Amino acid sequence: MNIKNPRNNHLITGEKGEKLAVEYLLKKGYEIMEVNWRYSRAEIDIIAKDNSTLVFVEVKSGQENVFTTPEIAVNEKKKMLILDAASQYMKSINYEWEIRFDIVSVIFYNKNQYEIIHYEDAFFN
């Protein structure tokens, strides 16, 4: 008997979305510094450089029919965890220049069709 576990499907969708987000950012010329960087209870999905700007990226992935907007999916508690982790990351590499917080949304329409929407400076606009 094959029982589908919704939790496993969610994890697989998230991993696939993060991989597609990394590929997307690389094609845009970003330099990927870290993937799934953890500090305390927070995880930053992607840390990248866009020219001289350090970019902390939250990736949100989901199916078209159940997907909520990225602004809603990244609530204030999640933002605070990411901000705290970003601060620790900057201390760890002695970084003191421009930073940005982006959201990359990956919406899956079917197994092989998806859309990527990149929200630059998504936390403070």
N, C-alpha and C. Protein backbone atom coordinates (compact mmCIF):
# COMPACT_ATOMS: atom_id res chain seq x y z
N MET A 1 0.84 -1.17 0.00
CA MET A 1 0.00 0.00 0.00
C MET A 1 0.89 1.24 0.00
N ASN A 2 0.56 2.21 -0.82
CA ASN A 2 1.34 3.44 -0.95
C ASN A 2 0.51 4.60 -0.42
N ILE A 3 0.87 5.09 0.74
CA ILE A 3 0.16 6.22 1.35
C ILE A 3 1.03 7.46 1.20
N LYS A 4 0.46 8.49 0.59
CA LYS A 4 1.21 9.73 0.40
C LYS A 4 1.21 10.53 1.69
N ASN A 5 2.36 11.03 2.05
CA ASN A 5 2.51 11.84 3.25
C ASN A 5 2.58 13.31 2.83
N PRO A 6 1.58 14.12 3.20
CA PRO A 6 1.59 15.54 2.80
C PRO A 6 2.84 16.27 3.27
N ARG A 7 3.38 15.90 4.43
CA ARG A 7 4.60 16.54 4.94
C ARG A 7 5.77 16.28 3.99
N ASN A 8 5.91 15.04 3.52
CA ASN A 8 6.98 14.72 2.57
C ASN A 8 6.80 15.48 1.27
N ASN A 9 5.56 15.58 0.77
CA ASN A 9 5.30 16.34 -0.45
C ASN A 9 5.69 17.80 -0.27
N HIS A 10 5.39 18.36 0.89
CA HIS A 10 5.74 19.75 1.20
C HIS A 10 7.27 19.93 1.19
N LEU A 11 7.99 18.99 1.80
CA LEU A 11 9.45 19.08 1.84
C LEU A 11 10.05 18.95 0.44
N ILE A 12 9.51 18.02 -0.35
CA ILE A 12 10.01 17.83 -1.72
C ILE A 12 9.75 19.09 -2.54
N THR A 13 8.56 19.67 -2.42
CA THR A 13 8.23 20.91 -3.13
C THR A 13 9.17 22.03 -2.70
N GLY A 14 9.43 22.14 -1.41
CA GLY A 14 10.34 23.18 -0.90
C GLY A 14 11.75 23.01 -1.41
N GLU A 15 12.26 21.78 -1.40
CA GLU A 15 13.62 21.52 -1.89
C GLU A 15 13.72 21.82 -3.38
N LYS A 16 12.71 21.41 -4.14
CA LYS A 16 12.71 21.68 -5.58
C LYS A 16 12.65 23.18 -5.84
N GLY A 17 11.83 23.89 -5.08
CA GLY A 17 11.72 25.33 -5.22
C GLY A 17 13.02 26.04 -4.91
N GLU A 18 13.71 25.61 -3.85
CA GLU A 18 15.00 26.22 -3.49
C GLU A 18 16.03 25.98 -4.59
N LYS A 19 16.06 24.78 -5.14
CA LYS A 19 17.00 24.46 -6.21
C LYS A 19 16.73 25.34 -7.44
N LEU A 20 15.46 25.49 -7.80
CA LEU A 20 15.11 26.35 -8.93
C LEU A 20 15.44 27.81 -8.65
N ALA A 21 15.25 28.25 -7.41
CA ALA A 21 15.57 29.63 -7.03
C ALA A 21 17.07 29.89 -7.15
N VAL A 22 17.90 28.93 -6.72
CA VAL A 22 19.35 29.06 -6.85
C VAL A 22 19.73 29.18 -8.33
N GLU A 23 19.18 28.30 -9.17
CA GLU A 23 19.47 28.35 -10.61
C GLU A 23 19.05 29.70 -11.20
N TYR A 24 17.90 30.18 -10.80
CA TYR A 24 17.38 31.47 -11.28
C TYR A 24 18.33 32.61 -10.90
N LEU A 25 18.75 32.64 -9.64
CA LEU A 25 19.65 33.71 -9.18
C LEU A 25 21.00 33.64 -9.87
N LEU A 26 21.52 32.44 -10.07
CA LEU A 26 22.79 32.28 -10.80
C LEU A 26 22.67 32.84 -12.21
N LYS A 27 21.57 32.55 -12.89
CA LYS A 27 21.35 33.06 -14.25
C LYS A 27 21.28 34.59 -14.27
N LYS A 28 20.80 35.19 -13.16
CA LYS A 28 20.73 36.65 -13.07
C LYS A 28 22.08 37.27 -12.68
N GLY A 29 23.10 36.43 -12.46
CA GLY A 29 24.43 36.94 -12.15
C GLY A 29 24.76 37.03 -10.68
N TYR A 30 23.91 36.49 -9.82
CA TYR A 30 24.19 36.49 -8.38
C TYR A 30 25.28 35.46 -8.08
N GLU A 31 26.04 35.75 -7.04
CA GLU A 31 27.02 34.78 -6.52
C GLU A 31 26.39 34.15 -5.27
N ILE A 32 26.23 32.84 -5.28
CA ILE A 32 25.62 32.15 -4.15
C ILE A 32 26.69 31.93 -3.09
N MET A 33 26.44 32.45 -1.89
CA MET A 33 27.38 32.32 -0.78
C MET A 33 27.05 31.12 0.10
N GLU A 34 25.76 30.96 0.42
CA GLU A 34 25.30 29.89 1.31
C GLU A 34 23.90 29.46 0.89
N VAL A 35 23.59 28.20 1.17
CA VAL A 35 22.23 27.68 1.00
C VAL A 35 21.84 27.01 2.31
N ASN A 36 20.65 27.32 2.79
CA ASN A 36 20.12 26.76 4.05
C ASN A 36 21.06 27.03 5.23
N TRP A 37 21.44 28.29 5.40
CA TRP A 37 22.33 28.69 6.50
C TRP A 37 21.49 28.83 7.76
N ARG A 38 21.92 28.16 8.82
CA ARG A 38 21.15 28.12 10.06
C ARG A 38 21.83 28.89 11.19
N TYR A 39 20.98 29.55 11.97
CA TYR A 39 21.42 30.18 13.21
C TYR A 39 20.27 30.04 14.21
N SER A 40 20.53 29.41 15.33
CA SER A 40 19.52 29.21 16.35
C SER A 40 18.29 28.54 15.74
N ARG A 41 17.12 29.17 15.83
CA ARG A 41 15.90 28.59 15.27
C ARG A 41 15.60 29.07 13.86
N ALA A 42 16.47 29.87 13.30
CA ALA A 42 16.22 30.45 11.98
C ALA A 42 17.06 29.78 10.91
N GLU A 43 16.51 29.78 9.71
CA GLU A 43 17.25 29.31 8.55
C GLU A 43 17.05 30.32 7.43
N ILE A 44 18.16 30.70 6.81
CA ILE A 44 18.08 31.56 5.64
C ILE A 44 18.26 30.65 4.44
N ASP A 45 17.26 30.66 3.55
CA ASP A 45 17.27 29.73 2.42
C ASP A 45 18.47 29.95 1.51
N ILE A 46 18.71 31.19 1.12
CA ILE A 46 19.83 31.50 0.22
C ILE A 46 20.47 32.81 0.67
N ILE A 47 21.79 32.82 0.73
CA ILE A 47 22.55 34.05 0.93
C ILE A 47 23.38 34.24 -0.32
N ALA A 48 23.24 35.40 -0.94
CA ALA A 48 23.91 35.63 -2.22
C ALA A 48 24.44 37.05 -2.28
N LYS A 49 25.30 37.30 -3.27
CA LYS A 49 25.77 38.66 -3.53
C LYS A 49 25.26 39.08 -4.90
N ASP A 50 24.68 40.27 -4.93
CA ASP A 50 24.24 40.91 -6.16
C ASP A 50 25.12 42.14 -6.32
N ASN A 51 26.17 41.99 -7.11
CA ASN A 51 27.23 43.00 -7.20
C ASN A 51 27.81 43.19 -5.80
N SER A 52 27.68 44.38 -5.21
CA SER A 52 28.27 44.60 -3.88
C SER A 52 27.23 44.51 -2.76
N THR A 53 26.03 44.05 -3.07
CA THR A 53 24.96 43.94 -2.08
C THR A 53 24.83 42.50 -1.60
N LEU A 54 24.81 42.32 -0.29
CA LEU A 54 24.57 41.00 0.30
C LEU A 54 23.06 40.81 0.38
N VAL A 55 22.57 39.71 -0.20
CA VAL A 55 21.12 39.49 -0.31
C VAL A 55 20.74 38.22 0.45
N PHE A 56 19.77 38.38 1.35
CA PHE A 56 19.21 37.25 2.10
C PHE A 56 17.87 36.91 1.46
N VAL A 57 17.75 35.67 1.00
CA VAL A 57 16.59 35.28 0.20
C VAL A 57 15.76 34.22 0.92
N GLU A 58 14.48 34.51 1.07
CA GLU A 58 13.51 33.52 1.56
C GLU A 58 12.79 32.96 0.34
N VAL A 59 12.79 31.64 0.21
CA VAL A 59 12.13 30.98 -0.92
C VAL A 59 10.80 30.42 -0.44
N LYS A 60 9.75 30.72 -1.17
CA LYS A 60 8.42 30.18 -0.89
C LYS A 60 7.96 29.41 -2.11
N SER A 61 7.63 28.13 -1.91
CA SER A 61 7.20 27.27 -3.00
C SER A 61 5.84 26.68 -2.70
N GLY A 62 5.05 26.47 -3.74
CA GLY A 62 3.76 25.85 -3.53
C GLY A 62 3.03 25.57 -4.83
N GLN A 63 1.95 24.84 -4.70
CA GLN A 63 1.10 24.53 -5.85
C GLN A 63 0.23 25.74 -6.16
N GLU A 64 -0.13 25.87 -7.41
CA GLU A 64 -0.93 27.02 -7.85
C GLU A 64 -2.24 27.13 -7.07
N ASN A 65 -2.91 26.03 -6.84
CA ASN A 65 -4.24 26.09 -6.24
C ASN A 65 -4.23 26.28 -4.73
N VAL A 66 -3.09 26.10 -4.06
CA VAL A 66 -3.04 26.26 -2.61
C VAL A 66 -2.03 27.32 -2.17
N PHE A 67 -1.45 28.01 -3.12
CA PHE A 67 -0.36 28.93 -2.81
C PHE A 67 -0.90 30.27 -2.35
N THR A 68 -0.34 30.78 -1.29
CA THR A 68 -0.68 32.12 -0.81
C THR A 68 0.40 33.08 -1.29
N THR A 69 0.15 34.36 -1.20
CA THR A 69 1.15 35.32 -1.66
C THR A 69 2.36 35.30 -0.74
N PRO A 70 3.55 35.55 -1.27
CA PRO A 70 4.77 35.52 -0.45
C PRO A 70 4.73 36.50 0.71
N GLU A 71 4.11 37.66 0.51
CA GLU A 71 4.06 38.64 1.58
C GLU A 71 3.30 38.09 2.79
N ILE A 72 2.28 37.30 2.54
CA ILE A 72 1.51 36.69 3.63
C ILE A 72 2.27 35.51 4.22
N ALA A 73 2.92 34.72 3.37
CA ALA A 73 3.63 33.53 3.84
C ALA A 73 4.81 33.88 4.73
N VAL A 74 5.42 35.05 4.52
CA VAL A 74 6.54 35.49 5.35
C VAL A 74 5.99 36.49 6.36
N ASN A 75 5.56 35.98 7.50
CA ASN A 75 4.95 36.83 8.52
C ASN A 75 6.03 37.56 9.34
N GLU A 76 5.58 38.40 10.26
CA GLU A 76 6.52 39.21 11.06
C GLU A 76 7.46 38.35 11.90
N LYS A 77 6.95 37.27 12.46
CA LYS A 77 7.81 36.38 13.27
C LYS A 77 8.92 35.79 12.40
N LYS A 78 8.57 35.34 11.20
CA LYS A 78 9.56 34.77 10.28
C LYS A 78 10.58 35.84 9.88
N LYS A 79 10.10 37.05 9.61
CA LYS A 79 11.01 38.15 9.25
C LYS A 79 12.00 38.41 10.38
N MET A 80 11.53 38.44 11.62
CA MET A 80 12.41 38.70 12.76
C MET A 80 13.47 37.60 12.90
N LEU A 81 13.08 36.35 12.70
CA LEU A 81 14.05 35.25 12.76
C LEU A 81 15.11 35.41 11.67
N ILE A 82 14.67 35.77 10.46
CA ILE A 82 15.61 35.96 9.35
C ILE A 82 16.52 37.15 9.61
N LEU A 83 15.97 38.25 10.13
CA LEU A 83 16.78 39.43 10.44
C LEU A 83 17.85 39.10 11.49
N ASP A 84 17.48 38.34 12.51
CA ASP A 84 18.43 37.94 13.55
C ASP A 84 19.53 37.07 12.96
N ALA A 85 19.14 36.09 12.16
CA ALA A 85 20.13 35.21 11.53
C ALA A 85 21.03 35.99 10.58
N ALA A 86 20.46 36.93 9.83
CA ALA A 86 21.25 37.74 8.91
C ALA A 86 22.29 38.56 9.67
N SER A 87 21.89 39.12 10.80
CA SER A 87 22.82 39.89 11.64
C SER A 87 23.98 39.01 12.09
N GLN A 88 23.69 37.80 12.51
CA GLN A 88 24.74 36.88 12.95
C GLN A 88 25.65 36.49 11.78
N TYR A 89 25.07 36.27 10.61
CA TYR A 89 25.87 35.92 9.44
C TYR A 89 26.83 37.06 9.10
N MET A 90 26.32 38.29 9.12
CA MET A 90 27.17 39.44 8.80
C MET A 90 28.31 39.57 9.80
N LYS A 91 28.04 39.33 11.08
CA LYS A 91 29.10 39.36 12.09
C LYS A 91 30.13 38.28 11.81
N SER A 92 29.66 37.09 11.41
CA SER A 92 30.58 35.97 11.19
C SER A 92 31.53 36.19 10.03
N ILE A 93 31.13 37.01 9.05
CA ILE A 93 32.02 37.28 7.91
C ILE A 93 32.55 38.71 7.94
N ASN A 94 32.26 39.44 9.03
CA ASN A 94 32.72 40.81 9.19
C ASN A 94 32.24 41.70 8.04
N TYR A 95 30.95 41.62 7.73
CA TYR A 95 30.35 42.35 6.61
C TYR A 95 29.60 43.57 7.13
N GLU A 96 29.89 44.74 6.54
CA GLU A 96 29.27 45.97 7.02
C GLU A 96 28.72 46.85 5.90
N TRP A 97 28.42 46.28 4.74
CA TRP A 97 27.97 47.11 3.63
C TRP A 97 26.49 46.91 3.37
N GLU A 98 26.07 47.24 2.17
CA GLU A 98 24.66 47.21 1.81
C GLU A 98 24.09 45.79 1.85
N ILE A 99 22.86 45.68 2.37
CA ILE A 99 22.18 44.38 2.41
C ILE A 99 20.75 44.55 1.87
N ARG A 100 20.15 43.41 1.54
CA ARG A 100 18.78 43.43 1.03
C ARG A 100 18.11 42.10 1.40
N PHE A 101 16.81 42.14 1.60
CA PHE A 101 16.04 40.94 1.90
C PHE A 101 15.02 40.73 0.78
N ASP A 102 15.16 39.61 0.07
CA ASP A 102 14.30 39.29 -1.06
C ASP A 102 13.45 38.06 -0.76
N ILE A 103 12.38 37.93 -1.52
CA ILE A 103 11.58 36.71 -1.51
C ILE A 103 11.54 36.20 -2.95
N VAL A 104 11.82 34.92 -3.12
CA VAL A 104 11.65 34.28 -4.42
C VAL A 104 10.50 33.29 -4.27
N SER A 105 9.47 33.50 -5.06
CA SER A 105 8.28 32.67 -5.04
C SER A 105 8.34 31.70 -6.22
N VAL A 106 8.18 30.40 -5.95
CA VAL A 106 8.15 29.39 -7.00
C VAL A 106 6.76 28.74 -6.95
N ILE A 107 5.99 28.97 -8.00
CA ILE A 107 4.63 28.42 -8.08
C ILE A 107 4.63 27.29 -9.09
N PHE A 108 4.25 26.10 -8.64
CA PHE A 108 4.21 24.92 -9.51
C PHE A 108 2.79 24.75 -10.06
N TYR A 109 2.71 24.69 -11.40
CA TYR A 109 1.42 24.47 -12.06
C TYR A 109 1.18 22.98 -12.30
N ASN A 110 2.26 22.27 -12.59
CA ASN A 110 2.24 20.82 -12.70
C ASN A 110 3.67 20.34 -12.50
N LYS A 111 3.93 19.08 -12.77
CA LYS A 111 5.25 18.50 -12.47
C LYS A 111 6.40 19.24 -13.15
N ASN A 112 6.20 19.70 -14.38
CA ASN A 112 7.29 20.31 -15.14
C ASN A 112 7.08 21.78 -15.47
N GLN A 113 5.98 22.36 -15.02
CA GLN A 113 5.70 23.76 -15.35
C GLN A 113 5.60 24.58 -14.07
N TYR A 114 6.35 25.67 -14.04
CA TYR A 114 6.39 26.51 -12.84
C TYR A 114 6.64 27.96 -13.25
N GLU A 115 6.44 28.83 -12.29
CA GLU A 115 6.70 30.26 -12.48
C GLU A 115 7.52 30.75 -11.30
N ILE A 116 8.51 31.59 -11.58
CA ILE A 116 9.32 32.19 -10.52
C ILE A 116 9.05 33.69 -10.51
N ILE A 117 8.73 34.20 -9.32
CA ILE A 117 8.53 35.64 -9.14
C ILE A 117 9.52 36.10 -8.07
N HIS A 118 10.31 37.11 -8.41
CA HIS A 118 11.36 37.61 -7.52
C HIS A 118 10.94 38.98 -6.98
N TYR A 119 10.79 39.05 -5.67
CA TYR A 119 10.45 40.30 -4.99
C TYR A 119 11.71 40.83 -4.33
N GLU A 120 12.32 41.85 -4.95
CA GLU A 120 13.52 42.44 -4.37
C GLU A 120 13.11 43.40 -3.25
N ASP A 121 13.95 43.45 -2.22
CA ASP A 121 13.74 44.35 -1.07
C ASP A 121 12.32 44.17 -0.51
N ALA A 122 11.94 42.92 -0.31
CA ALA A 122 10.56 42.57 0.05
C ALA A 122 10.18 42.88 1.49
N PHE A 123 11.16 43.01 2.36
CA PHE A 123 10.83 43.20 3.78
C PHE A 123 10.54 44.65 4.15
N PHE A 124 11.12 45.60 3.44
CA PHE A 124 11.04 47.01 3.86
C PHE A 124 10.59 47.93 2.74
N ASN A 125 9.48 47.63 2.10
CA ASN A 125 9.02 48.53 1.04
C ASN A 125 7.70 49.14 1.37
